[in-house]
Amino acid sequence: MMLLRHNTRAHVLLIVIITLITRIFYLCSPSGLIGDADEAVFGMMAQGIEALKEFPIYCWEAHYAGAPVSYVAALIFHFFGPGFVQLRLAMLPAALFTPILFYFIYRKMFEPAEALVGALFLIFCPFLVLHHTMAAYGGYGETYLGTSLIILLSWKIREDNVQTHVSHLVFLLGFVCSFFFYLLFLVLPAIIAFALPSILRSEKAPE
């Protein structure tokens, strides 16, 4: 028990296993099998990509949402056929990595066992959050992932005293911010609250 309370690898493995189990159960449930019109749009885009008929950059008639999830879904459709479950499988990597990244965020604020509890809360979350992390309808699940990446990279910049490393981290942070902003603008609060202060501070750091 003491080993589990303080073992980072064991915590991450537990998070991965529980996330996979809960998301698979969700995909097998009535809510996971039946989608809505917003998801259907990304599914139809994926069918068009899979048939090599079009290669959209943004969602049809909704240019505030990027289309990468449709490209991932197109690959899944190619092997398993179209469907809402197959479409939502494209969101599984984001749903898997999000609680892991938030675990490491919590590790910077709390004890390891408390960080694990926080990550598990995200996994056994309210249904709306569960749906957002698995539903492929325009960047909501990706926003959770992008927010966690932005927070960790921003804190890493503030902790890193080697200027050459900071410049690479600033470039990476800028790329992450722009990519996830392209997916959905809801990542903007994380950019304002974490990324911009860290970048401005790095510019004032002594050489």
N, C-alpha and C. Protein backbone atom coordinates (compact mmCIF):
# COMPACT_ATOMS: atom_id res chain seq x y z
N MET A 1 0.83 -1.21 0.00
CA MET A 1 0.00 0.00 0.00
C MET A 1 0.87 1.26 0.00
N MET A 2 1.94 1.28 0.83
CA MET A 2 2.82 2.44 0.85
C MET A 2 3.51 2.64 -0.49
N LEU A 3 3.85 1.51 -1.16
CA LEU A 3 4.48 1.60 -2.48
C LEU A 3 3.55 2.25 -3.47
N LEU A 4 2.26 1.88 -3.44
CA LEU A 4 1.28 2.45 -4.35
C LEU A 4 1.08 3.93 -4.07
N ARG A 5 1.17 4.33 -2.81
CA ARG A 5 0.93 5.73 -2.44
C ARG A 5 2.00 6.66 -3.00
N HIS A 6 3.20 6.16 -3.25
CA HIS A 6 4.31 7.03 -3.63
C HIS A 6 4.98 6.63 -4.95
N ASN A 7 4.51 5.59 -5.61
CA ASN A 7 5.14 5.10 -6.82
C ASN A 7 4.49 5.73 -8.05
N THR A 8 5.23 6.61 -8.72
CA THR A 8 4.68 7.32 -9.87
C THR A 8 4.30 6.36 -10.98
N ARG A 9 5.15 5.38 -11.27
CA ARG A 9 4.85 4.44 -12.34
C ARG A 9 3.58 3.65 -12.05
N ALA A 10 3.42 3.23 -10.81
CA ALA A 10 2.21 2.50 -10.44
C ALA A 10 0.98 3.39 -10.58
N HIS A 11 1.10 4.66 -10.22
CA HIS A 11 -0.02 5.59 -10.35
C HIS A 11 -0.40 5.75 -11.82
N VAL A 12 0.58 5.97 -12.67
CA VAL A 12 0.30 6.17 -14.10
C VAL A 12 -0.32 4.92 -14.70
N LEU A 13 0.21 3.76 -14.35
CA LEU A 13 -0.36 2.51 -14.86
C LEU A 13 -1.80 2.34 -14.41
N LEU A 14 -2.08 2.66 -13.16
CA LEU A 14 -3.44 2.57 -12.65
C LEU A 14 -4.37 3.53 -13.40
N ILE A 15 -3.90 4.74 -13.65
CA ILE A 15 -4.69 5.72 -14.39
C ILE A 15 -5.00 5.21 -15.79
N VAL A 16 -4.00 4.65 -16.47
CA VAL A 16 -4.19 4.13 -17.82
C VAL A 16 -5.22 3.01 -17.83
N ILE A 17 -5.09 2.07 -16.92
CA ILE A 17 -6.00 0.92 -16.90
C ILE A 17 -7.43 1.36 -16.62
N ILE A 18 -7.61 2.21 -15.61
CA ILE A 18 -8.96 2.64 -15.25
C ILE A 18 -9.57 3.49 -16.36
N THR A 19 -8.76 4.35 -16.99
CA THR A 19 -9.27 5.17 -18.09
C THR A 19 -9.75 4.29 -19.23
N LEU A 20 -8.95 3.31 -19.61
CA LEU A 20 -9.34 2.42 -20.71
C LEU A 20 -10.62 1.65 -20.37
N ILE A 21 -10.71 1.13 -19.15
CA ILE A 21 -11.89 0.36 -18.76
C ILE A 21 -13.15 1.23 -18.79
N THR A 22 -13.07 2.41 -18.18
CA THR A 22 -14.25 3.26 -18.11
C THR A 22 -14.68 3.75 -19.49
N ARG A 23 -13.72 4.08 -20.35
CA ARG A 23 -14.07 4.58 -21.69
C ARG A 23 -14.61 3.46 -22.57
N ILE A 24 -14.11 2.26 -22.42
CA ILE A 24 -14.64 1.13 -23.18
C ILE A 24 -16.08 0.83 -22.75
N PHE A 25 -16.32 0.87 -21.44
CA PHE A 25 -17.68 0.68 -20.95
C PHE A 25 -18.61 1.77 -21.51
N TYR A 26 -18.10 2.99 -21.58
CA TYR A 26 -18.90 4.09 -22.14
C TYR A 26 -19.22 3.82 -23.61
N LEU A 27 -18.24 3.38 -24.38
CA LEU A 27 -18.46 3.12 -25.80
C LEU A 27 -19.45 1.98 -26.02
N CYS A 28 -19.54 1.08 -25.06
CA CYS A 28 -20.48 -0.05 -25.18
C CYS A 28 -21.86 0.29 -24.64
N SER A 29 -22.01 1.44 -24.02
CA SER A 29 -23.29 1.84 -23.44
C SER A 29 -24.18 2.48 -24.51
N PRO A 30 -25.47 2.64 -24.25
CA PRO A 30 -26.34 3.32 -25.22
C PRO A 30 -25.86 4.73 -25.57
N SER A 31 -25.31 5.45 -24.58
CA SER A 31 -24.80 6.80 -24.85
C SER A 31 -23.59 6.77 -25.77
N GLY A 32 -22.81 5.71 -25.68
CA GLY A 32 -21.63 5.61 -26.53
C GLY A 32 -21.94 5.12 -27.93
N LEU A 33 -23.02 4.38 -28.07
CA LEU A 33 -23.37 3.81 -29.38
C LEU A 33 -24.12 4.79 -30.27
N ILE A 34 -24.80 5.76 -29.65
CA ILE A 34 -25.64 6.69 -30.40
C ILE A 34 -25.05 8.09 -30.28
N GLY A 35 -24.86 8.76 -31.41
CA GLY A 35 -24.28 10.09 -31.42
C GLY A 35 -25.29 11.16 -31.76
N ASP A 36 -24.79 12.37 -31.97
CA ASP A 36 -25.66 13.49 -32.32
C ASP A 36 -25.24 14.08 -33.65
N ALA A 37 -25.94 15.13 -34.05
CA ALA A 37 -25.72 15.73 -35.37
C ALA A 37 -24.33 16.33 -35.50
N ASP A 38 -23.82 16.93 -34.41
CA ASP A 38 -22.49 17.54 -34.47
C ASP A 38 -21.42 16.49 -34.74
N GLU A 39 -21.52 15.36 -34.05
CA GLU A 39 -20.57 14.29 -34.28
C GLU A 39 -20.73 13.70 -35.68
N ALA A 40 -21.97 13.63 -36.15
CA ALA A 40 -22.22 13.07 -37.47
C ALA A 40 -21.51 13.87 -38.55
N VAL A 41 -21.41 15.19 -38.35
CA VAL A 41 -20.70 16.03 -39.33
C VAL A 41 -19.25 15.60 -39.45
N PHE A 42 -18.60 15.40 -38.31
CA PHE A 42 -17.20 14.98 -38.34
C PHE A 42 -17.08 13.55 -38.88
N GLY A 43 -18.08 12.73 -38.64
CA GLY A 43 -18.08 11.39 -39.21
C GLY A 43 -18.21 11.41 -40.72
N MET A 44 -19.08 12.29 -41.24
CA MET A 44 -19.23 12.40 -42.69
C MET A 44 -17.97 12.98 -43.32
N MET A 45 -17.34 13.90 -42.61
CA MET A 45 -16.06 14.42 -43.11
C MET A 45 -15.03 13.30 -43.17
N ALA A 46 -15.03 12.44 -42.15
CA ALA A 46 -14.09 11.31 -42.13
C ALA A 46 -14.36 10.37 -43.30
N GLN A 47 -15.63 10.15 -43.62
CA GLN A 47 -15.96 9.29 -44.76
C GLN A 47 -15.45 9.90 -46.06
N GLY A 48 -15.58 11.22 -46.19
CA GLY A 48 -15.07 11.88 -47.38
C GLY A 48 -13.56 11.79 -47.48
N ILE A 49 -12.88 11.91 -46.36
CA ILE A 49 -11.42 11.78 -46.34
C ILE A 49 -11.01 10.36 -46.67
N GLU A 50 -11.70 9.40 -46.07
CA GLU A 50 -11.38 7.98 -46.29
C GLU A 50 -11.57 7.60 -47.76
N ALA A 51 -12.55 8.23 -48.43
CA ALA A 51 -12.79 7.98 -49.85
C ALA A 51 -11.91 8.83 -50.75
N LEU A 52 -11.04 9.66 -50.14
CA LEU A 52 -10.12 10.55 -50.88
C LEU A 52 -10.88 11.56 -51.74
N LYS A 53 -12.06 11.99 -51.26
CA LYS A 53 -12.87 12.95 -52.00
C LYS A 53 -12.61 14.39 -51.56
N GLU A 54 -12.20 14.57 -50.32
CA GLU A 54 -11.93 15.92 -49.82
C GLU A 54 -10.98 15.84 -48.64
N PHE A 55 -10.35 16.99 -48.35
CA PHE A 55 -9.39 17.06 -47.25
C PHE A 55 -9.60 18.38 -46.50
N PRO A 56 -10.65 18.43 -45.67
CA PRO A 56 -11.01 19.68 -45.00
C PRO A 56 -9.99 20.08 -43.94
N ILE A 57 -9.89 21.37 -43.73
CA ILE A 57 -9.04 21.93 -42.68
C ILE A 57 -9.87 22.26 -41.45
N TYR A 58 -11.08 22.75 -41.67
CA TYR A 58 -12.00 23.07 -40.59
C TYR A 58 -13.29 22.28 -40.75
N CYS A 59 -14.09 22.32 -39.70
CA CYS A 59 -15.40 21.67 -39.74
C CYS A 59 -16.29 22.36 -40.77
N TRP A 60 -17.12 21.60 -41.44
CA TRP A 60 -18.06 22.18 -42.40
C TRP A 60 -18.93 23.25 -41.73
N GLU A 61 -18.99 24.41 -42.34
CA GLU A 61 -19.86 25.50 -41.90
C GLU A 61 -19.64 25.90 -40.44
N ALA A 62 -18.54 25.50 -39.88
CA ALA A 62 -18.23 25.88 -38.48
C ALA A 62 -16.71 26.02 -38.38
N HIS A 63 -16.20 27.13 -38.88
CA HIS A 63 -14.76 27.28 -39.04
C HIS A 63 -14.04 27.65 -37.74
N TYR A 64 -14.71 27.48 -36.63
CA TYR A 64 -14.05 27.65 -35.34
C TYR A 64 -13.53 26.33 -34.80
N ALA A 65 -13.74 25.22 -35.51
CA ALA A 65 -13.32 23.91 -35.04
C ALA A 65 -12.44 23.24 -36.10
N GLY A 66 -11.24 22.82 -35.70
CA GLY A 66 -10.34 22.14 -36.62
C GLY A 66 -10.79 20.72 -36.91
N ALA A 67 -10.26 20.14 -37.98
CA ALA A 67 -10.73 18.84 -38.47
C ALA A 67 -9.81 17.65 -38.24
N PRO A 68 -8.72 17.73 -37.49
CA PRO A 68 -7.82 16.56 -37.37
C PRO A 68 -8.49 15.29 -36.89
N VAL A 69 -9.50 15.41 -36.00
CA VAL A 69 -10.15 14.20 -35.50
C VAL A 69 -10.79 13.42 -36.64
N SER A 70 -11.24 14.10 -37.68
CA SER A 70 -11.83 13.41 -38.83
C SER A 70 -10.79 12.62 -39.60
N TYR A 71 -9.55 13.10 -39.62
CA TYR A 71 -8.48 12.36 -40.31
C TYR A 71 -8.14 11.09 -39.54
N VAL A 72 -8.10 11.18 -38.21
CA VAL A 72 -7.85 9.99 -37.41
C VAL A 72 -9.01 9.01 -37.57
N ALA A 73 -10.23 9.54 -37.55
CA ALA A 73 -11.41 8.68 -37.71
C ALA A 73 -11.43 8.03 -39.09
N ALA A 74 -10.96 8.75 -40.11
CA ALA A 74 -10.93 8.17 -41.46
C ALA A 74 -10.06 6.92 -41.50
N LEU A 75 -8.94 6.95 -40.79
CA LEU A 75 -8.07 5.77 -40.73
C LEU A 75 -8.78 4.62 -40.02
N ILE A 76 -9.49 4.94 -38.94
CA ILE A 76 -10.24 3.90 -38.22
C ILE A 76 -11.38 3.36 -39.08
N PHE A 77 -12.07 4.25 -39.80
CA PHE A 77 -13.15 3.81 -40.70
C PHE A 77 -12.62 2.86 -41.77
N HIS A 78 -11.40 3.12 -42.22
CA HIS A 78 -10.83 2.29 -43.29
C HIS A 78 -10.73 0.83 -42.85
N PHE A 79 -10.41 0.60 -41.59
CA PHE A 79 -10.20 -0.76 -41.10
C PHE A 79 -11.43 -1.36 -40.44
N PHE A 80 -12.28 -0.52 -39.82
CA PHE A 80 -13.39 -1.05 -39.03
C PHE A 80 -14.76 -0.59 -39.51
N GLY A 81 -14.79 0.23 -40.57
CA GLY A 81 -16.06 0.72 -41.06
C GLY A 81 -16.55 1.93 -40.28
N PRO A 82 -17.54 2.66 -40.81
CA PRO A 82 -18.03 3.86 -40.13
C PRO A 82 -18.99 3.54 -39.00
N GLY A 83 -19.08 4.45 -38.05
CA GLY A 83 -19.99 4.30 -36.92
C GLY A 83 -19.60 5.25 -35.82
N PHE A 84 -20.52 5.51 -34.91
CA PHE A 84 -20.21 6.46 -33.83
C PHE A 84 -19.15 5.92 -32.88
N VAL A 85 -19.16 4.63 -32.61
CA VAL A 85 -18.14 4.05 -31.74
C VAL A 85 -16.77 4.19 -32.38
N GLN A 86 -16.67 3.86 -33.66
CA GLN A 86 -15.40 3.99 -34.37
C GLN A 86 -14.95 5.45 -34.40
N LEU A 87 -15.91 6.36 -34.60
CA LEU A 87 -15.58 7.79 -34.62
C LEU A 87 -15.03 8.22 -33.27
N ARG A 88 -15.63 7.75 -32.19
CA ARG A 88 -15.19 8.16 -30.86
C ARG A 88 -13.88 7.50 -30.46
N LEU A 89 -13.54 6.40 -31.10
CA LEU A 89 -12.23 5.80 -30.82
C LEU A 89 -11.10 6.76 -31.18
N ALA A 90 -11.34 7.67 -32.10
CA ALA A 90 -10.33 8.66 -32.47
C ALA A 90 -10.00 9.58 -31.31
N MET A 91 -10.92 9.69 -30.33
CA MET A 91 -10.70 10.55 -29.18
C MET A 91 -10.02 9.82 -28.02
N LEU A 92 -9.85 8.51 -28.14
CA LEU A 92 -9.31 7.73 -27.03
C LEU A 92 -7.92 8.19 -26.59
N PRO A 93 -6.98 8.47 -27.51
CA PRO A 93 -5.65 8.94 -27.05
C PRO A 93 -5.73 10.21 -26.20
N ALA A 94 -6.56 11.18 -26.61
CA ALA A 94 -6.71 12.40 -25.83
C ALA A 94 -7.33 12.10 -24.47
N ALA A 95 -8.35 11.23 -24.46
CA ALA A 95 -8.99 10.87 -23.21
C ALA A 95 -8.03 10.13 -22.29
N LEU A 96 -7.08 9.41 -22.86
CA LEU A 96 -6.12 8.64 -22.07
C LEU A 96 -5.03 9.52 -21.49
N PHE A 97 -4.49 10.43 -22.29
CA PHE A 97 -3.36 11.24 -21.83
C PHE A 97 -3.78 12.39 -20.92
N THR A 98 -5.02 12.86 -21.04
CA THR A 98 -5.44 14.00 -20.24
C THR A 98 -5.33 13.75 -18.73
N PRO A 99 -5.90 12.66 -18.19
CA PRO A 99 -5.73 12.45 -16.73
C PRO A 99 -4.29 12.19 -16.32
N ILE A 100 -3.48 11.62 -17.22
CA ILE A 100 -2.07 11.42 -16.89
C ILE A 100 -1.36 12.77 -16.73
N LEU A 101 -1.59 13.67 -17.67
CA LEU A 101 -0.95 14.99 -17.60
C LEU A 101 -1.45 15.78 -16.38
N PHE A 102 -2.75 15.69 -16.10
CA PHE A 102 -3.25 16.39 -14.92
C PHE A 102 -2.71 15.77 -13.63
N TYR A 103 -2.42 14.48 -13.66
CA TYR A 103 -1.79 13.86 -12.50
C TYR A 103 -0.45 14.53 -12.20
N PHE A 104 0.34 14.78 -13.26
CA PHE A 104 1.64 15.43 -13.05
C PHE A 104 1.47 16.90 -12.67
N ILE A 105 0.40 17.52 -13.10
CA ILE A 105 0.10 18.88 -12.63
C ILE A 105 -0.19 18.86 -11.14
N TYR A 106 -1.04 17.91 -10.72
CA TYR A 106 -1.37 17.81 -9.31
C TYR A 106 -0.16 17.43 -8.46
N ARG A 107 0.78 16.67 -9.04
CA ARG A 107 1.99 16.30 -8.30
C ARG A 107 2.80 17.52 -7.89
N LYS A 108 2.68 18.60 -8.65
CA LYS A 108 3.42 19.82 -8.33
C LYS A 108 2.74 20.61 -7.22
N MET A 109 1.50 20.24 -6.89
CA MET A 109 0.76 20.99 -5.89
C MET A 109 0.44 20.18 -4.64
N PHE A 110 0.36 18.84 -4.79
CA PHE A 110 -0.08 17.99 -3.69
C PHE A 110 0.86 16.81 -3.52
N GLU A 111 0.59 16.03 -2.51
CA GLU A 111 1.32 14.78 -2.31
C GLU A 111 0.92 13.77 -3.39
N PRO A 112 1.77 12.76 -3.66
CA PRO A 112 1.47 11.80 -4.73
C PRO A 112 0.10 11.14 -4.60
N ALA A 113 -0.25 10.70 -3.40
CA ALA A 113 -1.55 10.04 -3.23
C ALA A 113 -2.70 10.99 -3.53
N GLU A 114 -2.56 12.26 -3.14
CA GLU A 114 -3.60 13.24 -3.42
C GLU A 114 -3.69 13.54 -4.91
N ALA A 115 -2.53 13.55 -5.57
CA ALA A 115 -2.53 13.76 -7.03
C ALA A 115 -3.25 12.62 -7.73
N LEU A 116 -3.05 11.41 -7.24
CA LEU A 116 -3.73 10.25 -7.82
C LEU A 116 -5.24 10.37 -7.64
N VAL A 117 -5.67 10.81 -6.48
CA VAL A 117 -7.10 11.00 -6.23
C VAL A 117 -7.68 12.03 -7.20
N GLY A 118 -6.94 13.11 -7.42
CA GLY A 118 -7.40 14.14 -8.35
C GLY A 118 -7.53 13.61 -9.77
N ALA A 119 -6.57 12.80 -10.21
CA ALA A 119 -6.63 12.22 -11.54
C ALA A 119 -7.79 11.24 -11.66
N LEU A 120 -8.02 10.45 -10.61
CA LEU A 120 -9.13 9.50 -10.62
C LEU A 120 -10.47 10.23 -10.65
N PHE A 121 -10.53 11.40 -10.02
CA PHE A 121 -11.76 12.19 -10.07
C PHE A 121 -12.06 12.61 -11.51
N LEU A 122 -11.02 12.95 -12.27
CA LEU A 122 -11.23 13.30 -13.67
C LEU A 122 -11.73 12.10 -14.48
N ILE A 123 -11.29 10.92 -14.11
CA ILE A 123 -11.71 9.71 -14.83
C ILE A 123 -13.15 9.37 -14.48
N PHE A 124 -13.46 9.36 -13.17
CA PHE A 124 -14.83 9.08 -12.72
C PHE A 124 -15.56 10.41 -12.57
N CYS A 125 -15.62 11.14 -13.66
CA CYS A 125 -16.09 12.51 -13.64
C CYS A 125 -17.59 12.57 -13.94
N PRO A 126 -18.20 13.76 -13.78
CA PRO A 126 -19.59 13.92 -14.22
C PRO A 126 -19.76 13.50 -15.67
N PHE A 127 -20.95 13.05 -16.00
CA PHE A 127 -21.19 12.49 -17.33
C PHE A 127 -20.87 13.50 -18.44
N LEU A 128 -21.14 14.77 -18.22
CA LEU A 128 -20.88 15.78 -19.25
C LEU A 128 -19.40 15.81 -19.62
N VAL A 129 -18.52 15.74 -18.62
CA VAL A 129 -17.08 15.74 -18.89
C VAL A 129 -16.68 14.45 -19.59
N LEU A 130 -17.23 13.33 -19.14
CA LEU A 130 -16.97 12.06 -19.81
C LEU A 130 -17.36 12.13 -21.29
N HIS A 131 -18.53 12.68 -21.55
CA HIS A 131 -18.98 12.81 -22.94
C HIS A 131 -18.07 13.75 -23.73
N HIS A 132 -17.67 14.84 -23.12
CA HIS A 132 -16.79 15.80 -23.81
C HIS A 132 -15.45 15.17 -24.18
N THR A 133 -14.92 14.32 -23.32
CA THR A 133 -13.61 13.75 -23.60
C THR A 133 -13.66 12.65 -24.65
N MET A 134 -14.84 12.09 -24.90
CA MET A 134 -14.94 11.00 -25.88
C MET A 134 -15.70 11.39 -27.13
N ALA A 135 -16.56 12.38 -27.06
CA ALA A 135 -17.36 12.75 -28.23
C ALA A 135 -16.52 13.52 -29.24
N ALA A 136 -16.58 13.09 -30.49
CA ALA A 136 -15.77 13.71 -31.55
C ALA A 136 -16.60 14.76 -32.27
N TYR A 137 -16.78 15.91 -31.61
CA TYR A 137 -17.57 16.95 -32.26
C TYR A 137 -16.93 18.32 -32.15
N GLY A 138 -15.66 18.38 -32.34
CA GLY A 138 -15.07 19.68 -32.55
C GLY A 138 -14.21 20.27 -31.46
N GLY A 139 -13.37 19.49 -30.83
CA GLY A 139 -12.31 20.06 -30.03
C GLY A 139 -12.51 20.08 -28.53
N TYR A 140 -13.63 19.62 -28.02
CA TYR A 140 -13.84 19.70 -26.57
C TYR A 140 -12.88 18.79 -25.82
N GLY A 141 -12.80 17.54 -26.23
CA GLY A 141 -11.85 16.64 -25.58
C GLY A 141 -10.41 17.10 -25.76
N GLU A 142 -10.11 17.63 -26.95
CA GLU A 142 -8.76 18.13 -27.22
C GLU A 142 -8.43 19.34 -26.35
N THR A 143 -9.46 20.12 -25.98
CA THR A 143 -9.24 21.29 -25.13
C THR A 143 -8.74 20.89 -23.75
N TYR A 144 -9.28 19.81 -23.19
CA TYR A 144 -8.79 19.31 -21.91
C TYR A 144 -7.30 18.93 -22.02
N LEU A 145 -6.98 18.22 -23.09
CA LEU A 145 -5.59 17.80 -23.30
C LEU A 145 -4.68 19.00 -23.51
N GLY A 146 -5.10 19.93 -24.36
CA GLY A 146 -4.29 21.11 -24.64
C GLY A 146 -4.06 21.96 -23.41
N THR A 147 -5.09 22.10 -22.58
CA THR A 147 -4.95 22.87 -21.35
C THR A 147 -3.89 22.27 -20.43
N SER A 148 -3.91 20.96 -20.28
CA SER A 148 -2.91 20.32 -19.42
C SER A 148 -1.51 20.47 -19.98
N LEU A 149 -1.35 20.34 -21.28
CA LEU A 149 -0.03 20.53 -21.90
C LEU A 149 0.48 21.95 -21.72
N ILE A 150 -0.41 22.92 -21.91
CA ILE A 150 -0.01 24.32 -21.77
C ILE A 150 0.42 24.62 -20.34
N ILE A 151 -0.32 24.10 -19.37
CA ILE A 151 0.05 24.33 -17.96
C ILE A 151 1.43 23.74 -17.66
N LEU A 152 1.65 22.49 -18.05
CA LEU A 152 2.92 21.83 -17.74
C LEU A 152 4.10 22.52 -18.44
N LEU A 153 3.94 22.87 -19.71
CA LEU A 153 5.02 23.54 -20.43
C LEU A 153 5.30 24.92 -19.85
N SER A 154 4.24 25.63 -19.47
CA SER A 154 4.42 26.96 -18.88
C SER A 154 5.18 26.87 -17.57
N TRP A 155 4.83 25.91 -16.74
CA TRP A 155 5.54 25.74 -15.48
C TRP A 155 6.97 25.28 -15.71
N LYS A 156 7.19 24.47 -16.74
CA LYS A 156 8.54 24.01 -17.05
C LYS A 156 9.43 25.18 -17.45
N ILE A 157 8.89 26.12 -18.20
CA ILE A 157 9.65 27.31 -18.60
C ILE A 157 10.06 28.11 -17.37
N ARG A 158 9.17 28.24 -16.43
CA ARG A 158 9.47 29.02 -15.23
C ARG A 158 10.49 28.32 -14.34
N GLU A 159 10.55 26.99 -14.43
CA GLU A 159 11.49 26.24 -13.60
C GLU A 159 12.86 26.11 -14.23
N ASP A 160 12.94 26.21 -15.57
CA ASP A 160 14.18 25.93 -16.29
C ASP A 160 15.06 27.18 -16.28
N ASN A 161 16.26 27.05 -15.73
CA ASN A 161 17.18 28.19 -15.64
C ASN A 161 18.19 28.23 -16.78
N VAL A 162 18.17 27.23 -17.66
CA VAL A 162 19.11 27.20 -18.78
C VAL A 162 18.45 27.87 -19.97
N GLN A 163 19.02 29.01 -20.40
CA GLN A 163 18.37 29.83 -21.41
C GLN A 163 18.17 29.10 -22.72
N THR A 164 19.13 28.24 -23.12
CA THR A 164 18.97 27.52 -24.39
C THR A 164 17.78 26.57 -24.33
N HIS A 165 17.58 25.96 -23.16
CA HIS A 165 16.42 25.09 -22.99
C HIS A 165 15.14 25.89 -23.01
N VAL A 166 15.17 27.07 -22.42
CA VAL A 166 13.98 27.92 -22.37
C VAL A 166 13.52 28.29 -23.76
N SER A 167 14.45 28.62 -24.65
CA SER A 167 14.05 29.02 -26.01
C SER A 167 13.35 27.87 -26.73
N HIS A 168 13.84 26.65 -26.55
CA HIS A 168 13.17 25.50 -27.16
C HIS A 168 11.80 25.27 -26.55
N LEU A 169 11.70 25.45 -25.24
CA LEU A 169 10.42 25.25 -24.58
C LEU A 169 9.41 26.32 -25.00
N VAL A 170 9.87 27.54 -25.17
CA VAL A 170 8.99 28.62 -25.62
C VAL A 170 8.46 28.32 -27.02
N PHE A 171 9.33 27.83 -27.91
CA PHE A 171 8.90 27.45 -29.25
C PHE A 171 7.85 26.34 -29.18
N LEU A 172 8.12 25.32 -28.36
CA LEU A 172 7.19 24.21 -28.22
C LEU A 172 5.86 24.67 -27.64
N LEU A 173 5.92 25.55 -26.64
CA LEU A 173 4.71 26.07 -26.04
C LEU A 173 3.90 26.87 -27.06
N GLY A 174 4.57 27.68 -27.86
CA GLY A 174 3.88 28.44 -28.89
C GLY A 174 3.20 27.54 -29.91
N PHE A 175 3.89 26.47 -30.29
CA PHE A 175 3.31 25.52 -31.24
C PHE A 175 2.08 24.84 -30.65
N VAL A 176 2.18 24.40 -29.39
CA VAL A 176 1.06 23.74 -28.73
C VAL A 176 -0.13 24.69 -28.62
N CYS A 177 0.14 25.94 -28.23
CA CYS A 177 -0.94 26.92 -28.09
C CYS A 177 -1.64 27.16 -29.43
N SER A 178 -0.87 27.35 -30.49
CA SER A 178 -1.47 27.63 -31.79
C SER A 178 -2.24 26.43 -32.32
N PHE A 179 -1.70 25.22 -32.13
CA PHE A 179 -2.37 24.02 -32.64
C PHE A 179 -3.70 23.80 -31.93
N PHE A 180 -3.70 23.90 -30.60
CA PHE A 180 -4.95 23.64 -29.89
C PHE A 180 -5.93 24.80 -30.03
N PHE A 181 -5.44 26.01 -30.26
CA PHE A 181 -6.34 27.12 -30.57
C PHE A 181 -7.01 26.87 -31.92
N TYR A 182 -6.26 26.29 -32.86
CA TYR A 182 -6.84 25.92 -34.15
C TYR A 182 -7.93 24.85 -33.99
N LEU A 183 -7.71 23.91 -33.06
CA LEU A 183 -8.72 22.88 -32.85
C LEU A 183 -9.99 23.46 -32.25
N LEU A 184 -9.84 24.32 -31.26
CA LEU A 184 -10.99 24.98 -30.65
C LEU A 184 -10.49 26.12 -29.77
N PHE A 185 -11.13 27.28 -29.92
CA PHE A 185 -10.67 28.49 -29.24
C PHE A 185 -10.86 28.43 -27.73
N LEU A 186 -11.55 27.41 -27.21
CA LEU A 186 -11.78 27.32 -25.77
C LEU A 186 -10.49 27.11 -24.97
N VAL A 187 -9.39 26.86 -25.65
CA VAL A 187 -8.10 26.73 -24.96
C VAL A 187 -7.52 28.11 -24.62
N LEU A 188 -8.17 29.17 -25.08
CA LEU A 188 -7.65 30.53 -24.88
C LEU A 188 -7.45 30.90 -23.41
N PRO A 189 -8.35 30.56 -22.49
CA PRO A 189 -8.08 30.89 -21.07
C PRO A 189 -6.77 30.31 -20.56
N ALA A 190 -6.42 29.09 -20.97
CA ALA A 190 -5.15 28.51 -20.53
C ALA A 190 -3.97 29.28 -21.12
N ILE A 191 -4.11 29.75 -22.35
CA ILE A 191 -3.04 30.54 -22.98
C ILE A 191 -2.83 31.84 -22.23
N ILE A 192 -3.93 32.52 -21.90
CA ILE A 192 -3.83 33.81 -21.21
C ILE A 192 -3.32 33.64 -19.78
N ALA A 193 -3.82 32.63 -19.09
CA ALA A 193 -3.49 32.48 -17.67
C ALA A 193 -2.11 31.88 -17.43
N PHE A 194 -1.65 31.01 -18.34
CA PHE A 194 -0.40 30.30 -18.09
C PHE A 194 0.70 30.60 -19.12
N ALA A 195 0.36 30.52 -20.41
CA ALA A 195 1.39 30.62 -21.44
C ALA A 195 1.97 32.03 -21.55
N LEU A 196 1.11 33.02 -21.66
CA LEU A 196 1.60 34.39 -21.86
C LEU A 196 2.47 34.87 -20.70
N PRO A 197 2.08 34.70 -19.43
CA PRO A 197 2.97 35.13 -18.33
C PRO A 197 4.32 34.43 -18.35
N SER A 198 4.33 33.13 -18.69
CA SER A 198 5.59 32.39 -18.72
C SER A 198 6.49 32.87 -19.84
N ILE A 199 5.91 33.13 -21.01
CA ILE A 199 6.70 33.61 -22.14
C ILE A 199 7.26 35.00 -21.85
N LEU A 200 6.44 35.88 -21.28
CA LEU A 200 6.91 37.23 -20.95
C LEU A 200 8.02 37.17 -19.90
N ARG A 201 7.88 36.30 -18.95
CA ARG A 201 8.92 36.16 -17.92
C ARG A 201 10.21 35.63 -18.52
N SER A 202 10.11 34.70 -19.47
CA SER A 202 11.31 34.13 -20.10
C SER A 202 12.05 35.19 -20.90
N GLU A 203 11.33 36.16 -21.47
CA GLU A 203 11.99 37.21 -22.24
C GLU A 203 12.78 38.15 -21.33
N LYS A 204 12.39 38.25 -20.08
CA LYS A 204 13.08 39.13 -19.15
C LYS A 204 14.17 38.41 -18.37
N ALA A 205 14.29 37.09 -18.57
CA ALA A 205 15.29 36.33 -17.83
C ALA A 205 16.69 36.74 -18.24
N PRO A 206 17.65 36.78 -17.31
CA PRO A 206 19.03 37.14 -17.64
C PRO A 206 19.69 36.09 -18.52
N GLU A 207 20.53 36.54 -19.43
CA GLU A 207 21.22 35.63 -20.33
C GLU A 207 22.43 35.01 -19.64
